[in-house]
Each structure stands twice: as C-alpha cells, then as structure tokens.
Amino acid sequence: MKISSGKAMALMALCALMWSIGGLFIKVLPWNPLVISGFRSLIAAAIVAAYMRFKHYRFVLSPYVVLAGLGLTGTMLFFVIASKLTTSANAIILQSTNPVHIMILSALLFHVRYRKWELAAVAVTLAGISLFFFDQLSAGGMLGNCIALMSGVTMGIMYLFSSRLKEEAETMSSVLLGQAVAAAIGCSFALVSPVPVNGTNLAAILILGVVQLGVPYVLYAVAVRCCSPLSCSLIGMIEPLLNPVWVFLFVGEKPGVYALTGGSVVLLTVAVWSVKSARAETVQSGIPAVPAR
C-alpha cells in the first residue's frame, strides 16, 4: 500500500500514541508479567497473521528473520517484566537506548567503524543511563532497570537484523515469529501463576494485545515504507515521552529526579544523533532528505 509521506508520518504518530499506553495497562493488570506478555503477544500474533493472510504474504524463514524475531521476543518479555519492577519512565527510556546497542553490535558483528561524534553520542547516552541507578531504588527496582536495559539490547538486535530484510513479507514474518515465541513462553506461565479473570482484566489484556501492540504493528508496516527513517525515529519518541505521563496521570507513579535527568539526556542525545546521522547518510548517498510526496 503506497501512501503519501504526510499520511505515513500521521500513521507513525498514531502508532507511537498507541504504543505509549503500554506502561499504564501493564501496571494496572494484576497478572504475572510473563503471563501479561504472553497473552498480549498471542493477540498481537493473531492480528499480524490476519494481516499477512490479507496481503497474501507467505511466512518466510531465514537466519535474519529468526534473529530479528528472537530480538523482538526478548523485547516483548523484558519490557513487561521491567515495567512491573521499576517505574514506567525507567523501563521505556532505558529501552530507548537501543541505538547504542545497535552501534556496539554492528561494530562487533559486522566490523562497522564509527565517527568520533557517534562515539561521543554513545558516551553521553551511557552517562545518561548511569543516572538511572543513582535514585533510591529497591532491589526489585534495580533489577527492573537492568532488565529494561536488556530490552534495549534485544530491541537493538531486532532492528539490526530487521534492517537486513528486503521485503515486507520477511519483516512481517519476523514480527509474527517474535510474537508467537513470546506468546508460547509467556502463556505457559499461566499454568503455574494465578490469573484472576474479570471484566477489567479482560479489557486490559485486549487493549494491550489489540490497541497497544497488534494494530500499531500493522500500521507501522504500512507507514515505514513511505516515511523516512529519521521521521520514524523522531516521531517514535512520542512513545517514551507519553508512556510515563499516562502512568503518572492515572496511577500516580513518579520517576525519580535522577531518572528524569538521565531520561532527558538520553532522549535529547538520541534525537540529535538521529538528525545528524540522517544528514550524514543523505550527503553520502545524494538522496533528498525529504521523501517525495
């Protein structure tokens, strides 16, 4: 489906807005985090499978599809666990450090060399990350921060190998695989963990699976092919900005002073980094910075 860049950016904004409600509903749903992640991914996988069937996409299995899918699996599981153990602000912003992990993994796996300003951006981001651990945290909160960082690592893995997928069918196959594996792992914990069921809980898990995860992935698949990487990256920052806002407004959870400072450093650095990287790639390739409408 080909759409204008303006509509693609609007879809990206809608995706980010829908993604941002995850922290709130994870907080209010009184289930084991792995169970939440499992059923959320099960619903999302069904939506992705329906979209692939509608588009007549065959499920593709390749090394990069598997690696990208497993990166997504880790991201799904780690983020929900972190959201239960630490503040939503910490969980989402530490996950947003994935560009740092992409750089490190690219250097280690593909021997990519980076410019001095990119290395400086990594150093500043790591400094911002360190501030999260200066707040007065319980043992669980400290563990939650570490798991949130792991979700950033696995998200970096997902993006790194997704970028090597050439067709939308491959991308959607990796998403379906990642969600399916997360569903299998998470739902199995329902056998050993209490899962109280009532109208509120059912509504929460349906919102997480359909509104917060399943539908946005389909919209993203449409938008990303008509929206520049820079626009996707910057518009996607709506999610880490709004996620803790919803939790504060409806649950009253407040991030610590150090976390707010560190989060500001991380998000600002990633934003500047995205802009500078996009300009550098544009100059090298000769491709216009703004996609044709």
C-alpha atoms as a PDB file:
ATOM      1  CA  MET A   1       0.000   0.000   0.000  1.00  0.00           C
ATOM      2  CA  LYS A   2       1.577   3.266  -1.149  1.00  0.00           C
ATOM      3  CA  ILE A   3       0.599   6.442   0.706  1.00  0.00           C
ATOM      4  CA  SER A   4       1.937   9.998   0.859  1.00  0.00           C
ATOM      5  CA  SER A   5       4.734  10.860   3.270  1.00  0.00           C
ATOM      6  CA  GLY A   6       2.337  13.124   5.188  1.00  0.00           C
ATOM      7  CA  LYS A   7      -0.108  10.270   5.771  1.00  0.00           C
ATOM      8  CA  ALA A   8       2.782   7.961   6.649  1.00  0.00           C
ATOM      9  CA  MET A   9       4.010  10.387   9.317  1.00  0.00           C
ATOM     10  CA  ALA A  10       0.450  10.662  10.675  1.00  0.00           C
ATOM     11  CA  LEU A  11       0.300   6.857  10.900  1.00  0.00           C
ATOM     12  CA  MET A  12       3.650   6.825  12.714  1.00  0.00           C
ATOM     13  CA  ALA A  13       2.339   9.374  15.213  1.00  0.00           C
ATOM     14  CA  LEU A  14      -0.764   7.228  15.755  1.00  0.00           C
ATOM     15  CA  CYS A  15       1.454   4.144  16.231  1.00  0.00           C
ATOM     16  CA  ALA A  16       3.598   5.913  18.825  1.00  0.00           C
ATOM     17  CA  LEU A  17       0.497   7.159  20.644  1.00  0.00           C
ATOM     18  CA  MET A  18      -0.950   3.640  20.763  1.00  0.00           C
ATOM     19  CA  TRP A  19       2.371   2.144  21.874  1.00  0.00           C
ATOM     20  CA  SER A  20       2.605   4.703  24.694  1.00  0.00           C
ATOM     21  CA  ILE A  21      -0.343   3.279  26.647  1.00  0.00           C
ATOM     22  CA  GLY A  22       1.509   0.030  27.347  1.00  0.00           C
ATOM     23  CA  GLY A  23       3.031   1.076  30.666  1.00  0.00           C
ATOM     24  CA  LEU A  24      -0.325   2.116  32.091  1.00  0.00           C
ATOM     25  CA  PHE A  25      -2.183  -1.126  31.335  1.00  0.00           C
ATOM     26  CA  ILE A  26       0.782  -3.291  32.366  1.00  0.00           C
ATOM     27  CA  LYS A  27       0.751  -1.502  35.723  1.00  0.00           C
ATOM     28  CA  VAL A  28      -2.990  -1.959  36.342  1.00  0.00           C
ATOM     29  CA  LEU A  29      -3.214  -5.590  35.224  1.00  0.00           C
ATOM     30  CA  PRO A  30      -2.555  -7.761  38.341  1.00  0.00           C
ATOM     31  CA  TRP A  31      -1.009 -10.704  36.498  1.00  0.00           C
ATOM     32  CA  ASN A  32       2.485 -12.154  36.406  1.00  0.00           C
ATOM     33  CA  PRO A  33       4.442 -10.026  33.874  1.00  0.00           C
ATOM     34  CA  LEU A  34       5.330 -13.070  31.763  1.00  0.00           C
ATOM     35  CA  VAL A  35       1.649 -14.008  31.576  1.00  0.00           C
ATOM     36  CA  ILE A  36       0.764 -10.449  30.527  1.00  0.00           C
ATOM     37  CA  SER A  37       3.458 -10.521  27.865  1.00  0.00           C
ATOM     38  CA  GLY A  38       2.346 -13.944  26.661  1.00  0.00           C
ATOM     39  CA  PHE A  39      -1.315 -13.149  26.160  1.00  0.00           C
ATOM     40  CA  ARG A  40      -0.522  -9.683  24.774  1.00  0.00           C
ATOM     41  CA  SER A  41       1.753 -11.258  22.159  1.00  0.00           C
ATOM     42  CA  LEU A  42      -0.754 -14.045  21.441  1.00  0.00           C
ATOM     43  CA  ILE A  43      -3.403 -11.480  20.489  1.00  0.00           C
ATOM     44  CA  ALA A  44      -0.883  -9.411  18.524  1.00  0.00           C
ATOM     45  CA  ALA A  45       0.326 -12.514  16.657  1.00  0.00           C
ATOM     46  CA  ALA A  46      -3.247 -13.282  15.588  1.00  0.00           C
ATOM     47  CA  ILE A  47      -3.622  -9.752  14.180  1.00  0.00           C
ATOM     48  CA  VAL A  48      -0.287  -9.915  12.355  1.00  0.00           C
ATOM     49  CA  ALA A  49      -1.207 -13.344  10.918  1.00  0.00           C
ATOM     50  CA  ALA A  50      -4.541 -11.961   9.713  1.00  0.00           C
ATOM     51  CA  TYR A  51      -2.757  -9.030   8.045  1.00  0.00           C
ATOM     52  CA  MET A  52      -0.305 -11.376   6.312  1.00  0.00           C
ATOM     53  CA  ARG A  53      -3.181 -13.516   5.084  1.00  0.00           C
ATOM     54  CA  PHE A  54      -4.995 -10.417   3.786  1.00  0.00           C
ATOM     55  CA  LYS A  55      -1.834  -9.337   1.920  1.00  0.00           C
ATOM     56  CA  HIS A  56      -1.223 -12.901   0.679  1.00  0.00           C
ATOM     57  CA  TYR A  57       2.212 -12.962   2.304  1.00  0.00           C
ATOM     58  CA  ARG A  58       3.826 -16.332   2.811  1.00  0.00           C
ATOM     59  CA  PHE A  59       5.660 -16.946   6.057  1.00  0.00           C
ATOM     60  CA  VAL A  60       9.381 -16.661   5.321  1.00  0.00           C
ATOM     61  CA  LEU A  61      12.045 -18.326   7.443  1.00  0.00           C
ATOM     62  CA  SER A  62      15.669 -17.244   7.100  1.00  0.00           C
ATOM     63  CA  PRO A  63      18.563 -16.617   9.528  1.00  0.00           C
ATOM     64  CA  TYR A  64      17.889 -12.867   9.633  1.00  0.00           C
ATOM     65  CA  VAL A  65      14.141 -13.425  10.111  1.00  0.00           C
ATOM     66  CA  VAL A  66      14.879 -15.744  13.053  1.00  0.00           C
ATOM     67  CA  LEU A  67      17.390 -13.368  14.659  1.00  0.00           C
ATOM     68  CA  ALA A  68      15.107 -10.341  14.232  1.00  0.00           C
ATOM     69  CA  GLY A  69      12.171 -12.359  15.563  1.00  0.00           C
ATOM     70  CA  LEU A  70      14.059 -13.554  18.637  1.00  0.00           C
ATOM     71  CA  GLY A  71      15.182  -9.974  19.274  1.00  0.00           C
ATOM     72  CA  LEU A  72      11.526  -8.980  19.268  1.00  0.00           C
ATOM     73  CA  THR A  73      10.684 -11.863  21.621  1.00  0.00           C
ATOM     74  CA  GLY A  74      13.230 -10.643  24.153  1.00  0.00           C
ATOM     75  CA  THR A  75      11.986  -7.073  23.818  1.00  0.00           C
ATOM     76  CA  MET A  76       8.383  -8.125  24.476  1.00  0.00           C
ATOM     77  CA  LEU A  77       9.234 -10.192  27.554  1.00  0.00           C
ATOM     78  CA  PHE A  78      11.875  -7.944  29.118  1.00  0.00           C
ATOM     79  CA  PHE A  79       9.870  -4.732  28.740  1.00  0.00           C
ATOM     80  CA  VAL A  80       6.808  -6.071  30.554  1.00  0.00           C
ATOM     81  CA  ILE A  81       8.926  -7.535  33.371  1.00  0.00           C
ATOM     82  CA  ALA A  82      10.818  -4.249  33.729  1.00  0.00           C
ATOM     83  CA  SER A  83       7.571  -2.252  33.773  1.00  0.00           C
ATOM     84  CA  LYS A  84       6.410  -4.289  36.762  1.00  0.00           C
ATOM     85  CA  LEU A  85       9.679  -4.000  38.685  1.00  0.00           C
ATOM     86  CA  THR A  86      10.674  -0.382  38.068  1.00  0.00           C
ATOM     87  CA  THR A  87       8.894   2.816  37.019  1.00  0.00           C
ATOM     88  CA  SER A  88       7.363   3.031  33.548  1.00  0.00           C
ATOM     89  CA  ALA A  89       9.619   6.001  32.800  1.00  0.00           C
ATOM     90  CA  ASN A  90      12.731   3.969  33.605  1.00  0.00           C
ATOM     91  CA  ALA A  91      11.507   0.955  31.602  1.00  0.00           C
ATOM     92  CA  ILE A  92      10.646   2.839  28.410  1.00  0.00           C
ATOM     93  CA  ILE A  93      13.599   5.241  28.382  1.00  0.00           C
ATOM     94  CA  LEU A  94      16.185   2.549  29.132  1.00  0.00           C
ATOM     95  CA  GLN A  95      14.640   0.529  26.297  1.00  0.00           C
ATOM     96  CA  SER A  96      15.070   3.614  24.078  1.00  0.00           C
ATOM     97  CA  THR A  97      18.852   3.282  24.411  1.00  0.00           C
ATOM     98  CA  ASN A  98      18.727   0.642  21.655  1.00  0.00           C
ATOM     99  CA  PRO A  99      20.749   2.800  19.172  1.00  0.00           C
ATOM    100  CA  VAL A 100      23.769   2.419  21.474  1.00  0.00           C
ATOM    101  CA  HIS A 101      23.421  -1.349  21.396  1.00  0.00           C
ATOM    102  CA  ILE A 102      22.954  -1.305  17.614  1.00  0.00           C
ATOM    103  CA  MET A 103      26.292   0.516  17.300  1.00  0.00           C
ATOM    104  CA  ILE A 104      28.090  -1.876  19.623  1.00  0.00           C
ATOM    105  CA  LEU A 105      26.636  -4.964  17.942  1.00  0.00           C
ATOM    106  CA  SER A 106      27.345  -3.585  14.452  1.00  0.00           C
ATOM    107  CA  ALA A 107      30.971  -2.993  15.415  1.00  0.00           C
ATOM    108  CA  LEU A 108      31.332  -6.469  16.929  1.00  0.00           C
ATOM    109  CA  LEU A 109      29.413  -8.491  14.347  1.00  0.00           C
ATOM    110  CA  PHE A 110      29.866  -6.550  11.111  1.00  0.00           C
ATOM    111  CA  HIS A 111      33.051  -4.569  11.874  1.00  0.00           C
ATOM    112  CA  VAL A 112      31.318  -1.251  11.237  1.00  0.00           C
ATOM    113  CA  ARG A 113      33.502   1.760  12.027  1.00  0.00           C
ATOM    114  CA  TYR A 114      32.010   4.915  13.521  1.00  0.00           C
ATOM    115  CA  ARG A 115      32.904   8.595  13.515  1.00  0.00           C
ATOM    116  CA  LYS A 116      34.086  10.457  16.581  1.00  0.00           C
ATOM    117  CA  TRP A 117      30.790  12.302  17.065  1.00  0.00           C
ATOM    118  CA  GLU A 118      28.924   8.973  17.034  1.00  0.00           C
ATOM    119  CA  LEU A 119      31.236   7.585  19.708  1.00  0.00           C
ATOM    120  CA  ALA A 120      30.702  10.799  21.693  1.00  0.00           C
ATOM    121  CA  ALA A 121      26.920  10.266  21.438  1.00  0.00           C
ATOM    122  CA  VAL A 122      27.368   6.765  22.857  1.00  0.00           C
ATOM    123  CA  ALA A 123      29.410   8.136  25.765  1.00  0.00           C
ATOM    124  CA  VAL A 124      26.792  10.797  26.574  1.00  0.00           C
ATOM    125  CA  THR A 125      23.984   8.241  26.354  1.00  0.00           C
ATOM    126  CA  LEU A 126      25.827   5.883  28.703  1.00  0.00           C
ATOM    127  CA  ALA A 127      26.313   8.774  31.133  1.00  0.00           C
ATOM    128  CA  GLY A 128      22.564   9.426  30.996  1.00  0.00           C
ATOM    129  CA  ILE A 129      21.880   5.739  31.626  1.00  0.00           C
ATOM    130  CA  SER A 130      24.116   5.763  34.706  1.00  0.00           C
ATOM    131  CA  LEU A 131      21.929   8.436  36.333  1.00  0.00           C
ATOM    132  CA  PHE A 132      19.014   5.987  36.486  1.00  0.00           C
ATOM    133  CA  PHE A 133      20.928   3.948  39.048  1.00  0.00           C
ATOM    134  CA  PHE A 134      21.506   6.872  41.425  1.00  0.00           C
ATOM    135  CA  ASP A 135      17.850   7.043  42.500  1.00  0.00           C
ATOM    136  CA  GLN A 136      16.839   5.363  45.746  1.00  0.00           C
ATOM    137  CA  LEU A 137      15.652   2.045  44.324  1.00  0.00           C
ATOM    138  CA  SER A 138      14.572  -1.172  45.962  1.00  0.00           C
ATOM    139  CA  ALA A 139      16.358  -4.352  44.949  1.00  0.00           C
ATOM    140  CA  GLY A 140      13.444  -5.067  42.614  1.00  0.00           C
ATOM    141  CA  GLY A 141      13.667  -1.597  41.092  1.00  0.00           C
ATOM    142  CA  MET A 142      17.385  -2.015  40.456  1.00  0.00           C
ATOM    143  CA  LEU A 143      16.711  -5.394  38.841  1.00  0.00           C
ATOM    144  CA  GLY A 144      13.956  -3.765  36.781  1.00  0.00           C
ATOM    145  CA  ASN A 145      16.411  -1.167  35.467  1.00  0.00           C
ATOM    146  CA  CYS A 146      18.833  -3.908  34.452  1.00  0.00           C
ATOM    147  CA  ILE A 147      16.072  -5.844  32.681  1.00  0.00           C
ATOM    148  CA  ALA A 148      14.932  -2.629  30.966  1.00  0.00           C
ATOM    149  CA  LEU A 149      18.476  -2.233  29.641  1.00  0.00           C
ATOM    150  CA  MET A 150      18.276  -5.817  28.378  1.00  0.00           C
ATOM    151  CA  SER A 151      15.100  -4.896  26.495  1.00  0.00           C
ATOM    152  CA  GLY A 152      17.147  -2.143  24.835  1.00  0.00           C
ATOM    153  CA  VAL A 153      19.773  -4.722  23.843  1.00  0.00           C
ATOM    154  CA  THR A 154      17.195  -7.102  22.359  1.00  0.00           C
ATOM    155  CA  MET A 155      15.443  -4.232  20.587  1.00  0.00           C
ATOM    156  CA  GLY A 156      18.820  -3.320  19.100  1.00  0.00           C
ATOM    157  CA  ILE A 157      19.183  -6.919  17.887  1.00  0.00           C
ATOM    158  CA  MET A 158      15.705  -6.751  16.363  1.00  0.00           C
ATOM    159  CA  TYR A 159      16.421  -3.506  14.494  1.00  0.00           C
ATOM    160  CA  LEU A 160      19.891  -4.602  13.414  1.00  0.00           C
ATOM    161  CA  PHE A 161      18.692  -7.766  11.698  1.00  0.00           C
ATOM    162  CA  SER A 162      15.348  -6.323  10.553  1.00  0.00           C
ATOM    163  CA  SER A 163      17.321  -3.750   8.548  1.00  0.00           C
ATOM    164  CA  ARG A 164      18.727  -6.622   6.508  1.00  0.00           C
ATOM    165  CA  LEU A 165      15.292  -7.903   5.492  1.00  0.00           C
ATOM    166  CA  LYS A 166      14.448  -6.825   1.948  1.00  0.00           C
ATOM    167  CA  GLU A 167      10.708  -7.490   1.662  1.00  0.00           C
ATOM    168  CA  GLU A 168       7.708  -6.587   3.820  1.00  0.00           C
ATOM    169  CA  ALA A 169       6.789 -10.286   3.901  1.00  0.00           C
ATOM    170  CA  GLU A 170      10.121 -11.003   5.603  1.00  0.00           C
ATOM    171  CA  THR A 171       9.617  -8.161   8.087  1.00  0.00           C
ATOM    172  CA  MET A 172       6.131  -9.330   8.995  1.00  0.00           C
ATOM    173  CA  SER A 173       7.363 -12.928   9.242  1.00  0.00           C
ATOM    174  CA  SER A 174       9.951 -11.836  11.827  1.00  0.00           C
ATOM    175  CA  VAL A 175       7.248  -9.959  13.750  1.00  0.00           C
ATOM    176  CA  LEU A 176       4.921 -12.978  13.664  1.00  0.00           C
ATOM    177  CA  LEU A 177       7.730 -15.305  14.773  1.00  0.00           C
ATOM    178  CA  GLY A 178       8.779 -12.989  17.606  1.00  0.00           C
ATOM    179  CA  GLN A 179       5.255 -12.551  18.907  1.00  0.00           C
ATOM    180  CA  ALA A 180       4.498 -16.264  18.605  1.00  0.00           C
ATOM    181  CA  VAL A 181       7.588 -17.275  20.603  1.00  0.00           C
ATOM    182  CA  ALA A 182       6.851 -14.625  23.247  1.00  0.00           C
ATOM    183  CA  ALA A 183       3.270 -15.929  23.442  1.00  0.00           C
ATOM    184  CA  ALA A 184       4.433 -19.532  23.868  1.00  0.00           C
ATOM    185  CA  ILE A 185       6.863 -18.622  26.647  1.00  0.00           C
ATOM    186  CA  GLY A 186       4.584 -16.198  28.474  1.00  0.00           C
ATOM    187  CA  CYS A 187       1.318 -18.135  28.250  1.00  0.00           C
ATOM    188  CA  SER A 188       2.986 -21.251  29.674  1.00  0.00           C
ATOM    189  CA  PHE A 189       3.412 -19.379  32.959  1.00  0.00           C
ATOM    190  CA  ALA A 190      -0.377 -19.177  33.254  1.00  0.00           C
ATOM    191  CA  LEU A 191      -0.200 -22.839  34.261  1.00  0.00           C
ATOM    192  CA  VAL A 192       1.760 -22.034  37.435  1.00  0.00           C
ATOM    193  CA  SER A 193       0.747 -18.432  38.199  1.00  0.00           C
ATOM    194  CA  PRO A 194      -2.713 -17.228  39.298  1.00  0.00           C
ATOM    195  CA  VAL A 195      -4.558 -15.386  36.524  1.00  0.00           C
ATOM    196  CA  PRO A 196      -7.641 -13.724  38.031  1.00  0.00           C
ATOM    197  CA  VAL A 197     -10.205 -13.097  35.301  1.00  0.00           C
ATOM    198  CA  ASN A 198     -12.826 -10.370  35.417  1.00  0.00           C
ATOM    199  CA  GLY A 199     -14.170  -7.709  33.081  1.00  0.00           C
ATOM    200  CA  THR A 200     -11.478  -5.173  33.930  1.00  0.00           C
ATOM    201  CA  ASN A 201      -8.614  -7.612  33.446  1.00  0.00           C
ATOM    202  CA  LEU A 202     -10.015  -8.925  30.172  1.00  0.00           C
ATOM    203  CA  ALA A 203     -10.463  -5.372  28.887  1.00  0.00           C
ATOM    204  CA  ALA A 204      -6.877  -4.516  29.875  1.00  0.00           C
ATOM    205  CA  ILE A 205      -5.303  -7.510  28.116  1.00  0.00           C
ATOM    206  CA  LEU A 206      -7.425  -6.944  24.997  1.00  0.00           C
ATOM    207  CA  ILE A 207      -6.359  -3.292  24.878  1.00  0.00           C
ATOM    208  CA  LEU A 208      -2.711  -4.348  25.274  1.00  0.00           C
ATOM    209  CA  GLY A 209      -2.948  -7.022  22.592  1.00  0.00           C
ATOM    210  CA  VAL A 210      -5.101  -5.210  20.039  1.00  0.00           C
ATOM    211  CA  VAL A 211      -4.726  -1.451  20.540  1.00  0.00           C
ATOM    212  CA  GLN A 212      -1.240  -1.210  22.031  1.00  0.00           C
ATOM    213  CA  LEU A 213       0.546  -3.936  20.064  1.00  0.00           C
ATOM    214  CA  GLY A 214      -1.281  -5.716  17.230  1.00  0.00           C
ATOM    215  CA  VAL A 215      -2.859  -2.862  15.255  1.00  0.00           C
ATOM    216  CA  PRO A 216       0.159  -0.496  15.615  1.00  0.00           C
ATOM    217  CA  TYR A 217       2.480  -3.130  14.116  1.00  0.00           C
ATOM    218  CA  VAL A 218       0.256  -3.386  11.041  1.00  0.00           C
ATOM    219  CA  LEU A 219       0.065   0.410  10.728  1.00  0.00           C
ATOM    220  CA  TYR A 220       3.828   0.617  11.187  1.00  0.00           C
ATOM    221  CA  ALA A 221       4.372  -1.895   8.368  1.00  0.00           C
ATOM    222  CA  VAL A 222       2.398   0.420   6.068  1.00  0.00           C
ATOM    223  CA  ALA A 223       3.946   3.681   7.304  1.00  0.00           C
ATOM    224  CA  VAL A 224       7.609   2.685   7.429  1.00  0.00           C
ATOM    225  CA  ARG A 225       7.781   2.117   3.658  1.00  0.00           C
ATOM    226  CA  CYS A 226       6.655   5.709   2.928  1.00  0.00           C
ATOM    227  CA  CYS A 227       8.191   7.581   5.861  1.00  0.00           C
ATOM    228  CA  SER A 228      11.890   8.450   6.117  1.00  0.00           C
ATOM    229  CA  PRO A 229      13.911   6.629   8.813  1.00  0.00           C
ATOM    230  CA  LEU A 230      14.584   9.969  10.526  1.00  0.00           C
ATOM    231  CA  SER A 231      10.879  10.812  10.661  1.00  0.00           C
ATOM    232  CA  CYS A 232      10.060   7.346  12.012  1.00  0.00           C
ATOM    233  CA  SER A 233      12.751   7.669  14.668  1.00  0.00           C
ATOM    234  CA  LEU A 234      11.779  11.151  15.838  1.00  0.00           C
ATOM    235  CA  ILE A 235       8.018  10.595  15.696  1.00  0.00           C
ATOM    236  CA  GLY A 236       8.539   7.337  17.594  1.00  0.00           C
ATOM    237  CA  MET A 237       9.857   9.377  20.520  1.00  0.00           C
ATOM    238  CA  ILE A 238       6.248  10.244  21.302  1.00  0.00           C
ATOM    239  CA  GLU A 239       6.120   6.825  22.997  1.00  0.00           C
ATOM    240  CA  PRO A 240       8.825   7.306  25.674  1.00  0.00           C
ATOM    241  CA  LEU A 241       7.601  10.843  26.291  1.00  0.00           C
ATOM    242  CA  LEU A 242       3.930   9.931  26.803  1.00  0.00           C
ATOM    243  CA  ASN A 243       4.279   6.500  28.415  1.00  0.00           C
ATOM    244  CA  PRO A 244       5.235   7.815  31.898  1.00  0.00           C
ATOM    245  CA  VAL A 245       2.724  10.671  31.551  1.00  0.00           C
ATOM    246  CA  TRP A 246      -0.235   8.263  31.306  1.00  0.00           C
ATOM    247  CA  VAL A 247       1.078   6.255  34.277  1.00  0.00           C
ATOM    248  CA  PHE A 248       1.524   9.413  36.362  1.00  0.00           C
ATOM    249  CA  LEU A 249      -1.952  10.745  35.492  1.00  0.00           C
ATOM    250  CA  PHE A 250      -3.849   7.514  36.168  1.00  0.00           C
ATOM    251  CA  VAL A 251      -1.654   5.635  38.681  1.00  0.00           C
ATOM    252  CA  GLY A 252       0.305   8.460  40.305  1.00  0.00           C
ATOM    253  CA  GLU A 253       3.725   6.903  39.741  1.00  0.00           C
ATOM    254  CA  LYS A 254       6.539   9.488  39.712  1.00  0.00           C
ATOM    255  CA  PRO A 255      10.021   8.832  38.338  1.00  0.00           C
ATOM    256  CA  GLY A 256      12.963   9.967  40.476  1.00  0.00           C
ATOM    257  CA  VAL A 257      14.907  13.178  39.907  1.00  0.00           C
ATOM    258  CA  TYR A 258      17.966  11.338  38.626  1.00  0.00           C
ATOM    259  CA  ALA A 259      15.807   9.257  36.277  1.00  0.00           C
ATOM    260  CA  LEU A 260      14.166  12.401  34.880  1.00  0.00           C
ATOM    261  CA  THR A 261      17.573  13.985  34.335  1.00  0.00           C
ATOM    262  CA  GLY A 262      19.037  10.861  32.798  1.00  0.00           C
ATOM    263  CA  GLY A 263      15.955  10.354  30.635  1.00  0.00           C
ATOM    264  CA  SER A 264      16.216  13.899  29.290  1.00  0.00           C
ATOM    265  CA  VAL A 265      19.891  13.334  28.443  1.00  0.00           C
ATOM    266  CA  VAL A 266      19.156  10.028  26.695  1.00  0.00           C
ATOM    267  CA  LEU A 267      16.179  11.249  24.643  1.00  0.00           C
ATOM    268  CA  LEU A 268      17.854  14.512  23.612  1.00  0.00           C
ATOM    269  CA  THR A 269      21.055  12.701  22.617  1.00  0.00           C
ATOM    270  CA  VAL A 270      19.156  10.095  20.584  1.00  0.00           C
ATOM    271  CA  ALA A 271      17.149  12.851  18.842  1.00  0.00           C
ATOM    272  CA  VAL A 272      20.263  14.856  17.896  1.00  0.00           C
ATOM    273  CA  TRP A 273      22.028  11.653  16.909  1.00  0.00           C
ATOM    274  CA  SER A 274      19.139  10.657  14.611  1.00  0.00           C
ATOM    275  CA  VAL A 275      19.132  14.036  12.861  1.00  0.00           C
ATOM    276  CA  LYS A 276      22.910  14.126  12.375  1.00  0.00           C
ATOM    277  CA  SER A 277      23.047  10.505  11.196  1.00  0.00           C
ATOM    278  CA  ALA A 278      20.274  11.079   8.661  1.00  0.00           C
ATOM    279  CA  ARG A 279      22.017  14.163   7.286  1.00  0.00           C
ATOM    280  CA  ALA A 280      25.322  12.311   7.012  1.00  0.00           C
ATOM    281  CA  GLU A 281      23.676   9.426   5.124  1.00  0.00           C
ATOM    282  CA  THR A 282      21.874  11.889   2.838  1.00  0.00           C
ATOM    283  CA  VAL A 283      25.115  13.651   1.925  1.00  0.00           C
ATOM    284  CA  GLN A 284      26.879  10.346   1.236  1.00  0.00           C
ATOM    285  CA  SER A 285      24.089   8.865  -0.881  1.00  0.00           C
ATOM    286  CA  GLY A 286      22.844  12.003  -2.567  1.00  0.00           C
ATOM    287  CA  ILE A 287      19.278  11.106  -1.627  1.00  0.00           C
ATOM    288  CA  PRO A 288      16.984  14.058  -0.788  1.00  0.00           C
ATOM    289  CA  ALA A 289      16.400  14.455   2.964  1.00  0.00           C
ATOM    290  CA  VAL A 290      12.629  14.745   2.470  1.00  0.00           C
ATOM    291  CA  PRO A 291      10.912  11.902   0.611  1.00  0.00           C
ATOM    292  CA  ALA A 292       8.895  12.832  -2.494  1.00  0.00           C
ATOM    293  CA  ARG A 293       5.230  13.410  -1.845  1.00  0.00           C
END
